[in-house]
Amino acid sequence: MRIETTTNDASFFKHRRKVEHWDGSVTRELAPLKKSIYSIIDLREILLGCSSRDLEFLSSLNDYSNGRRALQQLTKTKIDHGTQIRGFNFFDATEQDLLRAIQRPEFNIHGLRRADLKKYLPLVSNVKLSRYLKRLRILGLIKRVAKTYRYYLTHIGRLAVATCEKLTEFAIVKTLAAA
């Protein structure tokens, strides 16, 4: 991206310069820029100032497009081999429990299996847990280790788990407790 400022009407800009009056007196005051070769240095400084302010404004903007794409990836329904896979709902209690279970530190070291998750989600059946793991894999929260039944959290998975926890504990619960 290249930032540049151009103008067709130099008299739009005002600067302090010597102004000759009709009576012949000369004073220094704020006046429109003349469109001549002698004003090019002043015009250059003014336009450089415009460009630098424009750059400063652009650098202050935050780009959340990656976050929007990631949220879309996690919450949008997907089709896998003709089967419709529902997107993730961060407000569902069962799915929050699942996210809390897969974020455990020991799973970062050696990965997780369905049998490992069963200890932390005892009310969920094995079949349902297998479906959850497949859903997490298709949505991109976990990835499977080749030729094993182990899974690791992906980068987007770690961010989603942390965001879910932060949203519930520090925003929703805190706000509802204060009400």
N, C-alpha and C. Protein backbone atom coordinates (compact mmCIF):
# COMPACT_ATOMS: atom_id res chain seq x y z
N MET A 1 0.84 -1.17 0.00
CA MET A 1 0.00 0.00 0.00
C MET A 1 0.89 1.23 0.00
N ARG A 2 0.58 2.17 -0.86
CA ARG A 2 1.36 3.40 -0.92
C ARG A 2 0.44 4.57 -0.61
N ILE A 3 0.84 5.38 0.33
CA ILE A 3 0.07 6.55 0.72
C ILE A 3 0.65 7.77 0.01
N GLU A 4 -0.21 8.48 -0.69
CA GLU A 4 0.24 9.72 -1.32
C GLU A 4 -0.93 10.69 -1.33
N THR A 5 -0.60 11.98 -1.36
CA THR A 5 -1.61 13.02 -1.38
C THR A 5 -1.38 13.90 -2.59
N THR A 6 -2.41 14.10 -3.38
CA THR A 6 -2.31 14.98 -4.54
C THR A 6 -3.38 16.06 -4.43
N THR A 7 -3.15 17.16 -5.11
CA THR A 7 -4.13 18.24 -5.11
C THR A 7 -4.14 18.92 -6.47
N ASN A 8 -5.30 19.41 -6.84
CA ASN A 8 -5.43 20.19 -8.06
C ASN A 8 -5.55 21.68 -7.76
N ASP A 9 -6.00 21.99 -6.55
CA ASP A 9 -6.21 23.37 -6.16
C ASP A 9 -5.33 23.68 -4.95
N ALA A 10 -4.16 24.27 -5.20
CA ALA A 10 -3.22 24.56 -4.11
C ALA A 10 -3.73 25.68 -3.22
N SER A 11 -4.62 26.53 -3.72
CA SER A 11 -5.12 27.65 -2.91
C SER A 11 -6.03 27.18 -1.78
N PHE A 12 -6.44 25.90 -1.81
CA PHE A 12 -7.24 25.35 -0.72
C PHE A 12 -6.45 25.38 0.59
N PHE A 13 -5.14 25.17 0.52
CA PHE A 13 -4.29 25.14 1.70
C PHE A 13 -3.85 26.55 2.06
N LYS A 14 -3.81 26.81 3.35
CA LYS A 14 -3.36 28.12 3.83
C LYS A 14 -2.08 27.94 4.61
N HIS A 15 -1.20 28.95 4.52
CA HIS A 15 0.04 28.90 5.29
C HIS A 15 0.48 30.33 5.57
N ARG A 16 1.42 30.48 6.47
CA ARG A 16 1.94 31.82 6.80
C ARG A 16 2.98 32.19 5.75
N ARG A 17 2.73 33.36 5.14
CA ARG A 17 3.66 33.84 4.12
C ARG A 17 3.60 35.36 4.06
N LYS A 18 4.55 35.92 3.30
CA LYS A 18 4.55 37.37 3.09
C LYS A 18 3.42 37.73 2.14
N VAL A 19 2.61 38.69 2.54
CA VAL A 19 1.49 39.14 1.73
C VAL A 19 1.72 40.62 1.38
N GLU A 20 1.72 40.92 0.09
CA GLU A 20 1.88 42.31 -0.35
C GLU A 20 0.49 42.92 -0.54
N HIS A 21 0.26 44.04 0.11
CA HIS A 21 -1.04 44.71 0.03
C HIS A 21 -1.03 45.73 -1.09
N TRP A 22 -2.22 46.27 -1.44
CA TRP A 22 -2.35 47.24 -2.53
C TRP A 22 -1.59 48.53 -2.25
N ASP A 23 -1.47 48.86 -0.99
CA ASP A 23 -0.76 50.10 -0.66
C ASP A 23 0.75 49.93 -0.67
N GLY A 24 1.24 48.70 -0.95
CA GLY A 24 2.68 48.44 -1.03
C GLY A 24 3.28 47.89 0.24
N SER A 25 2.51 47.87 1.33
CA SER A 25 3.05 47.34 2.58
C SER A 25 3.09 45.80 2.52
N VAL A 26 4.03 45.23 3.26
CA VAL A 26 4.22 43.77 3.29
C VAL A 26 4.04 43.31 4.74
N THR A 27 3.18 42.31 4.93
CA THR A 27 2.98 41.71 6.26
C THR A 27 3.06 40.19 6.13
N ARG A 28 3.27 39.53 7.27
CA ARG A 28 3.27 38.07 7.31
C ARG A 28 1.97 37.63 7.95
N GLU A 29 1.16 36.88 7.20
CA GLU A 29 -0.12 36.42 7.73
C GLU A 29 -0.54 35.11 7.05
N LEU A 30 -1.64 34.55 7.56
CA LEU A 30 -2.18 33.31 7.02
C LEU A 30 -2.90 33.62 5.72
N ALA A 31 -2.44 32.99 4.63
CA ALA A 31 -3.01 33.28 3.32
C ALA A 31 -3.03 32.01 2.48
N PRO A 32 -3.89 31.98 1.45
CA PRO A 32 -3.91 30.79 0.58
C PRO A 32 -2.57 30.59 -0.13
N LEU A 33 -2.26 29.34 -0.38
CA LEU A 33 -1.03 28.99 -1.07
C LEU A 33 -1.13 29.38 -2.54
N LYS A 34 -0.09 30.00 -3.06
CA LYS A 34 -0.09 30.38 -4.47
C LYS A 34 0.25 29.17 -5.33
N LYS A 35 -0.33 29.12 -6.51
CA LYS A 35 -0.03 28.03 -7.43
C LYS A 35 1.11 28.48 -8.34
N SER A 36 2.31 28.34 -7.80
CA SER A 36 3.50 28.73 -8.56
C SER A 36 4.65 27.83 -8.15
N ILE A 37 5.72 27.92 -8.88
CA ILE A 37 6.91 27.10 -8.61
C ILE A 37 7.55 27.46 -7.28
N TYR A 38 7.33 28.70 -6.83
CA TYR A 38 7.95 29.17 -5.59
C TYR A 38 7.24 28.62 -4.35
N SER A 39 6.03 28.13 -4.51
CA SER A 39 5.28 27.58 -3.37
C SER A 39 5.42 26.07 -3.25
N ILE A 40 6.21 25.47 -4.11
CA ILE A 40 6.27 24.00 -4.13
C ILE A 40 6.86 23.41 -2.85
N ILE A 41 7.79 24.11 -2.21
CA ILE A 41 8.38 23.61 -0.97
C ILE A 41 7.34 23.63 0.14
N ASP A 42 6.59 24.72 0.23
CA ASP A 42 5.52 24.79 1.24
C ASP A 42 4.44 23.75 0.96
N LEU A 43 4.06 23.59 -0.31
CA LEU A 43 3.06 22.59 -0.68
C LEU A 43 3.52 21.18 -0.33
N ARG A 44 4.80 20.92 -0.55
CA ARG A 44 5.37 19.61 -0.21
C ARG A 44 5.23 19.33 1.28
N GLU A 45 5.55 20.30 2.12
CA GLU A 45 5.45 20.11 3.57
C GLU A 45 4.00 19.89 3.99
N ILE A 46 3.09 20.65 3.41
CA ILE A 46 1.67 20.50 3.75
C ILE A 46 1.16 19.11 3.35
N LEU A 47 1.49 18.67 2.14
CA LEU A 47 1.03 17.36 1.67
C LEU A 47 1.69 16.21 2.41
N LEU A 48 2.95 16.38 2.82
CA LEU A 48 3.61 15.35 3.66
C LEU A 48 2.90 15.25 5.00
N GLY A 49 2.49 16.40 5.55
CA GLY A 49 1.73 16.38 6.80
C GLY A 49 0.41 15.65 6.64
N CYS A 50 -0.28 15.88 5.50
CA CYS A 50 -1.54 15.17 5.23
C CYS A 50 -1.31 13.67 5.14
N SER A 51 -0.26 13.27 4.45
CA SER A 51 0.05 11.84 4.30
C SER A 51 0.39 11.21 5.64
N SER A 52 1.17 11.91 6.46
CA SER A 52 1.55 11.33 7.75
C SER A 52 0.34 11.20 8.67
N ARG A 53 -0.58 12.18 8.63
CA ARG A 53 -1.80 12.07 9.44
C ARG A 53 -2.67 10.92 8.95
N ASP A 54 -2.70 10.72 7.64
CA ASP A 54 -3.46 9.61 7.06
C ASP A 54 -2.87 8.27 7.51
N LEU A 55 -1.55 8.16 7.48
CA LEU A 55 -0.89 6.93 7.95
C LEU A 55 -1.13 6.70 9.43
N GLU A 56 -1.09 7.75 10.20
CA GLU A 56 -1.33 7.62 11.64
C GLU A 56 -2.75 7.13 11.90
N PHE A 57 -3.71 7.66 11.14
CA PHE A 57 -5.09 7.21 11.27
C PHE A 57 -5.23 5.73 10.90
N LEU A 58 -4.63 5.33 9.77
CA LEU A 58 -4.72 3.94 9.33
C LEU A 58 -4.06 2.98 10.32
N SER A 59 -2.97 3.42 10.94
CA SER A 59 -2.29 2.53 11.89
C SER A 59 -3.08 2.40 13.19
N SER A 60 -3.98 3.33 13.47
CA SER A 60 -4.77 3.23 14.69
C SER A 60 -5.96 2.29 14.54
N LEU A 61 -6.30 1.91 13.30
CA LEU A 61 -7.42 1.01 13.07
C LEU A 61 -7.03 -0.42 13.42
N ASN A 62 -7.95 -1.16 14.00
CA ASN A 62 -7.72 -2.56 14.30
C ASN A 62 -8.38 -3.41 13.23
N ASP A 63 -7.69 -4.45 12.81
CA ASP A 63 -8.22 -5.34 11.79
C ASP A 63 -8.71 -6.63 12.46
N TYR A 64 -10.01 -6.81 12.48
CA TYR A 64 -10.60 -7.99 13.11
C TYR A 64 -11.11 -9.00 12.09
N SER A 65 -10.66 -8.88 10.84
CA SER A 65 -11.19 -9.76 9.80
C SER A 65 -10.81 -11.22 10.06
N ASN A 66 -9.62 -11.48 10.60
CA ASN A 66 -9.24 -12.87 10.92
C ASN A 66 -10.15 -13.45 11.98
N GLY A 67 -10.48 -12.65 12.99
CA GLY A 67 -11.38 -13.10 14.04
C GLY A 67 -12.77 -13.39 13.52
N ARG A 68 -13.25 -12.55 12.61
CA ARG A 68 -14.57 -12.79 12.02
C ARG A 68 -14.58 -14.07 11.21
N ARG A 69 -13.51 -14.30 10.45
CA ARG A 69 -13.43 -15.54 9.66
C ARG A 69 -13.37 -16.76 10.57
N ALA A 70 -12.62 -16.66 11.66
CA ALA A 70 -12.51 -17.78 12.60
C ALA A 70 -13.85 -18.06 13.27
N LEU A 71 -14.56 -17.02 13.67
CA LEU A 71 -15.87 -17.20 14.29
C LEU A 71 -16.84 -17.82 13.30
N GLN A 72 -16.77 -17.39 12.05
CA GLN A 72 -17.62 -17.97 10.99
C GLN A 72 -17.30 -19.45 10.82
N GLN A 73 -16.01 -19.79 10.86
CA GLN A 73 -15.59 -21.19 10.70
C GLN A 73 -16.12 -22.04 11.84
N LEU A 74 -16.15 -21.51 13.05
CA LEU A 74 -16.55 -22.29 14.21
C LEU A 74 -18.07 -22.42 14.37
N THR A 75 -18.80 -21.40 13.97
CA THR A 75 -20.23 -21.41 14.26
C THR A 75 -21.10 -21.78 13.06
N LYS A 76 -20.55 -21.77 11.87
CA LYS A 76 -21.33 -22.07 10.67
C LYS A 76 -21.50 -23.59 10.51
N THR A 77 -22.68 -23.99 10.06
CA THR A 77 -22.95 -25.39 9.80
C THR A 77 -22.16 -25.83 8.57
N LYS A 78 -21.53 -27.02 8.66
CA LYS A 78 -20.75 -27.55 7.54
C LYS A 78 -21.33 -28.88 7.09
N ILE A 79 -21.00 -29.25 5.87
CA ILE A 79 -21.43 -30.53 5.30
C ILE A 79 -20.20 -31.41 5.16
N ASP A 80 -20.24 -32.61 5.75
CA ASP A 80 -19.14 -33.56 5.66
C ASP A 80 -19.67 -34.87 5.11
N HIS A 81 -19.30 -35.19 3.86
CA HIS A 81 -19.74 -36.41 3.19
C HIS A 81 -21.27 -36.56 3.24
N GLY A 82 -21.97 -35.45 2.98
CA GLY A 82 -23.43 -35.48 2.96
C GLY A 82 -24.08 -35.34 4.32
N THR A 83 -23.31 -35.33 5.38
CA THR A 83 -23.85 -35.18 6.73
C THR A 83 -23.69 -33.73 7.17
N GLN A 84 -24.75 -33.18 7.72
CA GLN A 84 -24.71 -31.80 8.16
C GLN A 84 -24.13 -31.74 9.58
N ILE A 85 -23.03 -30.96 9.73
CA ILE A 85 -22.37 -30.82 11.02
C ILE A 85 -22.71 -29.43 11.56
N ARG A 86 -23.37 -29.41 12.71
CA ARG A 86 -23.82 -28.17 13.32
C ARG A 86 -22.63 -27.36 13.83
N GLY A 87 -22.70 -26.04 13.69
CA GLY A 87 -21.66 -25.17 14.20
C GLY A 87 -21.64 -25.17 15.72
N PHE A 88 -20.60 -24.60 16.30
CA PHE A 88 -20.43 -24.61 17.75
C PHE A 88 -21.25 -23.50 18.37
N ASN A 89 -21.91 -23.81 19.50
CA ASN A 89 -22.68 -22.83 20.25
C ASN A 89 -21.97 -22.59 21.58
N PHE A 90 -21.38 -21.44 21.73
CA PHE A 90 -20.58 -21.14 22.92
C PHE A 90 -21.44 -20.93 24.17
N PHE A 91 -22.76 -20.82 24.02
CA PHE A 91 -23.63 -20.61 25.17
C PHE A 91 -24.30 -21.89 25.65
N ASP A 92 -24.11 -22.99 24.96
CA ASP A 92 -24.67 -24.27 25.36
C ASP A 92 -23.82 -24.84 26.49
N ALA A 93 -24.47 -25.26 27.58
CA ALA A 93 -23.75 -25.73 28.77
C ALA A 93 -22.93 -26.99 28.48
N THR A 94 -23.47 -27.92 27.70
CA THR A 94 -22.75 -29.16 27.38
C THR A 94 -21.51 -28.86 26.56
N GLU A 95 -21.64 -27.96 25.61
CA GLU A 95 -20.49 -27.62 24.77
C GLU A 95 -19.45 -26.83 25.55
N GLN A 96 -19.88 -26.02 26.52
CA GLN A 96 -18.93 -25.34 27.39
C GLN A 96 -18.17 -26.34 28.24
N ASP A 97 -18.86 -27.35 28.76
CA ASP A 97 -18.19 -28.40 29.54
C ASP A 97 -17.17 -29.15 28.68
N LEU A 98 -17.55 -29.42 27.44
CA LEU A 98 -16.63 -30.10 26.51
C LEU A 98 -15.39 -29.25 26.27
N LEU A 99 -15.58 -27.95 26.04
CA LEU A 99 -14.43 -27.07 25.82
C LEU A 99 -13.54 -26.98 27.05
N ARG A 100 -14.15 -26.92 28.22
CA ARG A 100 -13.34 -26.88 29.45
C ARG A 100 -12.55 -28.19 29.62
N ALA A 101 -13.15 -29.30 29.20
CA ALA A 101 -12.48 -30.59 29.34
C ALA A 101 -11.29 -30.69 28.38
N ILE A 102 -11.45 -30.24 27.14
CA ILE A 102 -10.34 -30.40 26.19
C ILE A 102 -9.22 -29.39 26.41
N GLN A 103 -9.44 -28.38 27.25
CA GLN A 103 -8.38 -27.40 27.49
C GLN A 103 -7.48 -27.79 28.66
N ARG A 104 -7.68 -28.93 29.24
CA ARG A 104 -6.88 -29.35 30.38
C ARG A 104 -5.40 -29.43 30.00
N PRO A 105 -4.51 -29.05 30.91
CA PRO A 105 -3.08 -28.98 30.60
C PRO A 105 -2.45 -30.31 30.19
N GLU A 106 -2.91 -31.41 30.75
CA GLU A 106 -2.29 -32.70 30.39
C GLU A 106 -2.55 -33.07 28.94
N PHE A 107 -3.62 -32.54 28.35
CA PHE A 107 -3.91 -32.82 26.95
C PHE A 107 -2.99 -32.04 26.02
N ASN A 108 -2.43 -30.96 26.49
CA ASN A 108 -1.45 -30.22 25.69
C ASN A 108 -0.15 -30.99 25.57
N ILE A 109 0.13 -31.82 26.56
CA ILE A 109 1.40 -32.56 26.57
C ILE A 109 1.33 -33.79 25.67
N HIS A 110 0.35 -34.65 25.92
CA HIS A 110 0.30 -35.91 25.15
C HIS A 110 -0.97 -36.10 24.34
N GLY A 111 -1.76 -35.05 24.18
CA GLY A 111 -2.97 -35.16 23.38
C GLY A 111 -4.12 -35.75 24.18
N LEU A 112 -5.27 -35.85 23.55
CA LEU A 112 -6.44 -36.39 24.24
C LEU A 112 -7.07 -37.49 23.42
N ARG A 113 -7.72 -38.40 24.12
CA ARG A 113 -8.49 -39.47 23.49
C ARG A 113 -9.91 -39.42 24.05
N ARG A 114 -10.80 -40.16 23.44
CA ARG A 114 -12.16 -40.21 23.94
C ARG A 114 -12.19 -40.76 25.36
N ALA A 115 -11.37 -41.79 25.62
CA ALA A 115 -11.33 -42.39 26.96
C ALA A 115 -10.84 -41.37 28.00
N ASP A 116 -9.92 -40.48 27.60
CA ASP A 116 -9.45 -39.44 28.54
C ASP A 116 -10.56 -38.44 28.85
N LEU A 117 -11.33 -38.09 27.85
CA LEU A 117 -12.42 -37.13 28.05
C LEU A 117 -13.55 -37.72 28.89
N LYS A 118 -13.71 -39.03 28.83
CA LYS A 118 -14.80 -39.70 29.56
C LYS A 118 -14.70 -39.43 31.06
N LYS A 119 -13.46 -39.30 31.58
CA LYS A 119 -13.28 -39.02 33.01
C LYS A 119 -13.85 -37.66 33.40
N TYR A 120 -13.79 -36.70 32.49
CA TYR A 120 -14.21 -35.34 32.80
C TYR A 120 -15.64 -35.06 32.35
N LEU A 121 -16.20 -35.93 31.53
CA LEU A 121 -17.60 -35.81 31.08
C LEU A 121 -18.31 -37.13 31.32
N PRO A 122 -18.55 -37.52 32.56
CA PRO A 122 -19.09 -38.85 32.84
C PRO A 122 -20.55 -39.03 32.39
N LEU A 123 -21.32 -37.95 32.26
CA LEU A 123 -22.72 -38.07 31.89
C LEU A 123 -22.94 -38.22 30.38
N VAL A 124 -21.88 -38.01 29.60
CA VAL A 124 -21.98 -38.11 28.14
C VAL A 124 -21.63 -39.53 27.71
N SER A 125 -22.45 -40.12 26.86
CA SER A 125 -22.20 -41.50 26.41
C SER A 125 -21.00 -41.53 25.45
N ASN A 126 -20.44 -42.74 25.27
CA ASN A 126 -19.30 -42.91 24.37
C ASN A 126 -19.63 -42.53 22.94
N VAL A 127 -20.83 -42.87 22.49
CA VAL A 127 -21.25 -42.56 21.13
C VAL A 127 -21.33 -41.06 20.93
N LYS A 128 -21.94 -40.39 21.90
CA LYS A 128 -22.08 -38.93 21.80
C LYS A 128 -20.72 -38.25 21.88
N LEU A 129 -19.83 -38.79 22.69
CA LEU A 129 -18.48 -38.24 22.81
C LEU A 129 -17.72 -38.40 21.50
N SER A 130 -17.90 -39.53 20.83
CA SER A 130 -17.27 -39.73 19.52
C SER A 130 -17.80 -38.72 18.50
N ARG A 131 -19.10 -38.47 18.55
CA ARG A 131 -19.68 -37.47 17.65
C ARG A 131 -19.14 -36.07 17.95
N TYR A 132 -18.98 -35.76 19.22
CA TYR A 132 -18.41 -34.46 19.60
C TYR A 132 -16.99 -34.31 19.05
N LEU A 133 -16.20 -35.38 19.18
CA LEU A 133 -14.82 -35.31 18.68
C LEU A 133 -14.80 -35.12 17.16
N LYS A 134 -15.68 -35.83 16.46
CA LYS A 134 -15.73 -35.67 15.01
C LYS A 134 -16.15 -34.25 14.65
N ARG A 135 -17.12 -33.75 15.37
CA ARG A 135 -17.58 -32.38 15.12
C ARG A 135 -16.48 -31.36 15.39
N LEU A 136 -15.76 -31.53 16.49
CA LEU A 136 -14.65 -30.63 16.80
C LEU A 136 -13.57 -30.70 15.72
N ARG A 137 -13.32 -31.90 15.20
CA ARG A 137 -12.31 -32.07 14.15
C ARG A 137 -12.75 -31.40 12.86
N ILE A 138 -14.00 -31.57 12.48
CA ILE A 138 -14.48 -30.98 11.23
C ILE A 138 -14.53 -29.46 11.33
N LEU A 139 -14.89 -28.93 12.50
CA LEU A 139 -14.93 -27.48 12.68
C LEU A 139 -13.54 -26.87 12.81
N GLY A 140 -12.52 -27.69 13.00
CA GLY A 140 -11.14 -27.19 13.03
C GLY A 140 -10.61 -26.87 14.40
N LEU A 141 -11.30 -27.31 15.48
CA LEU A 141 -10.81 -27.03 16.82
C LEU A 141 -9.73 -28.02 17.26
N ILE A 142 -9.80 -29.24 16.76
CA ILE A 142 -8.79 -30.24 17.09
C ILE A 142 -8.27 -30.86 15.80
N LYS A 143 -7.08 -31.46 15.90
CA LYS A 143 -6.54 -32.20 14.75
C LYS A 143 -6.10 -33.57 15.25
N ARG A 144 -6.22 -34.53 14.37
CA ARG A 144 -5.92 -35.91 14.76
C ARG A 144 -4.46 -36.23 14.46
N VAL A 145 -3.84 -36.96 15.38
CA VAL A 145 -2.49 -37.45 15.16
C VAL A 145 -2.59 -38.67 14.26
N ALA A 146 -1.75 -38.72 13.23
CA ALA A 146 -1.83 -39.79 12.24
C ALA A 146 -1.66 -41.16 12.87
N LYS A 147 -2.50 -42.10 12.46
CA LYS A 147 -2.46 -43.52 12.86
C LYS A 147 -2.66 -43.73 14.36
N THR A 148 -3.31 -42.80 15.02
CA THR A 148 -3.64 -42.96 16.44
C THR A 148 -5.06 -42.47 16.67
N TYR A 149 -5.52 -42.59 17.90
CA TYR A 149 -6.82 -42.04 18.29
C TYR A 149 -6.64 -40.80 19.15
N ARG A 150 -5.48 -40.16 19.04
CA ARG A 150 -5.19 -38.97 19.84
C ARG A 150 -5.45 -37.71 19.04
N TYR A 151 -5.83 -36.66 19.75
CA TYR A 151 -6.11 -35.37 19.13
C TYR A 151 -5.38 -34.27 19.90
N TYR A 152 -5.04 -33.22 19.19
CA TYR A 152 -4.46 -32.02 19.79
C TYR A 152 -5.30 -30.82 19.42
N LEU A 153 -5.34 -29.82 20.29
CA LEU A 153 -6.03 -28.58 19.98
C LEU A 153 -5.25 -27.83 18.90
N THR A 154 -5.96 -27.26 17.94
CA THR A 154 -5.33 -26.41 16.94
C THR A 154 -5.19 -25.01 17.53
N HIS A 155 -4.53 -24.13 16.78
CA HIS A 155 -4.37 -22.75 17.25
C HIS A 155 -5.73 -22.09 17.42
N ILE A 156 -6.59 -22.26 16.43
CA ILE A 156 -7.92 -21.67 16.53
C ILE A 156 -8.72 -22.34 17.65
N GLY A 157 -8.46 -23.60 17.92
CA GLY A 157 -9.12 -24.30 19.02
C GLY A 157 -8.73 -23.73 20.37
N ARG A 158 -7.43 -23.46 20.54
CA ARG A 158 -6.98 -22.85 21.80
C ARG A 158 -7.60 -21.48 22.01
N LEU A 159 -7.65 -20.70 20.92
CA LEU A 159 -8.23 -19.36 21.01
C LEU A 159 -9.73 -19.44 21.31
N ALA A 160 -10.43 -20.38 20.69
CA ALA A 160 -11.87 -20.52 20.91
C ALA A 160 -12.16 -20.94 22.34
N VAL A 161 -11.39 -21.86 22.88
CA VAL A 161 -11.59 -22.32 24.26
C VAL A 161 -11.33 -21.17 25.23
N ALA A 162 -10.25 -20.44 25.01
CA ALA A 162 -9.93 -19.32 25.89
C ALA A 162 -10.99 -18.23 25.81
N THR A 163 -11.47 -17.97 24.61
CA THR A 163 -12.50 -16.95 24.43
C THR A 163 -13.81 -17.36 25.09
N CYS A 164 -14.17 -18.61 24.95
CA CYS A 164 -15.40 -19.11 25.57
C CYS A 164 -15.32 -18.97 27.09
N GLU A 165 -14.20 -19.36 27.65
CA GLU A 165 -14.01 -19.27 29.10
C GLU A 165 -14.03 -17.82 29.57
N LYS A 166 -13.33 -16.98 28.84
CA LYS A 166 -13.27 -15.55 29.20
C LYS A 166 -14.64 -14.90 29.09
N LEU A 167 -15.35 -15.21 28.02
CA LEU A 167 -16.68 -14.64 27.80
C LEU A 167 -17.64 -15.04 28.91
N THR A 168 -17.65 -16.30 29.27
CA THR A 168 -18.60 -16.76 30.27
C THR A 168 -18.22 -16.30 31.67
N GLU A 169 -16.99 -16.53 32.07
CA GLU A 169 -16.59 -16.25 33.45
C GLU A 169 -16.43 -14.76 33.74
N PHE A 170 -15.82 -14.03 32.82
CA PHE A 170 -15.47 -12.65 33.12
C PHE A 170 -16.46 -11.63 32.56
N ALA A 171 -17.35 -12.03 31.68
CA ALA A 171 -18.31 -11.08 31.14
C ALA A 171 -19.73 -11.42 31.58
N ILE A 172 -20.22 -12.58 31.18
CA ILE A 172 -21.62 -12.91 31.42
C ILE A 172 -21.90 -13.16 32.91
N VAL A 173 -21.12 -14.04 33.54
CA VAL A 173 -21.35 -14.38 34.94
C VAL A 173 -21.16 -13.14 35.82
N LYS A 174 -20.13 -12.37 35.54
CA LYS A 174 -19.84 -11.17 36.33
C LYS A 174 -20.96 -10.14 36.19
N THR A 175 -21.46 -9.97 34.99
CA THR A 175 -22.53 -8.99 34.76
C THR A 175 -23.84 -9.45 35.40
N LEU A 176 -24.16 -10.74 35.28
CA LEU A 176 -25.38 -11.25 35.88
C LEU A 176 -25.31 -11.26 37.40
N ALA A 177 -24.13 -11.43 37.96
CA ALA A 177 -23.96 -11.40 39.42
C ALA A 177 -24.19 -10.00 39.96
N ALA A 178 -23.83 -9.01 39.18
CA ALA A 178 -23.99 -7.62 39.61
C ALA A 178 -25.44 -7.15 39.48
N ALA A 179 -26.23 -7.86 38.69
CA ALA A 179 -27.62 -7.42 38.45
C ALA A 179 -28.52 -7.66 39.65
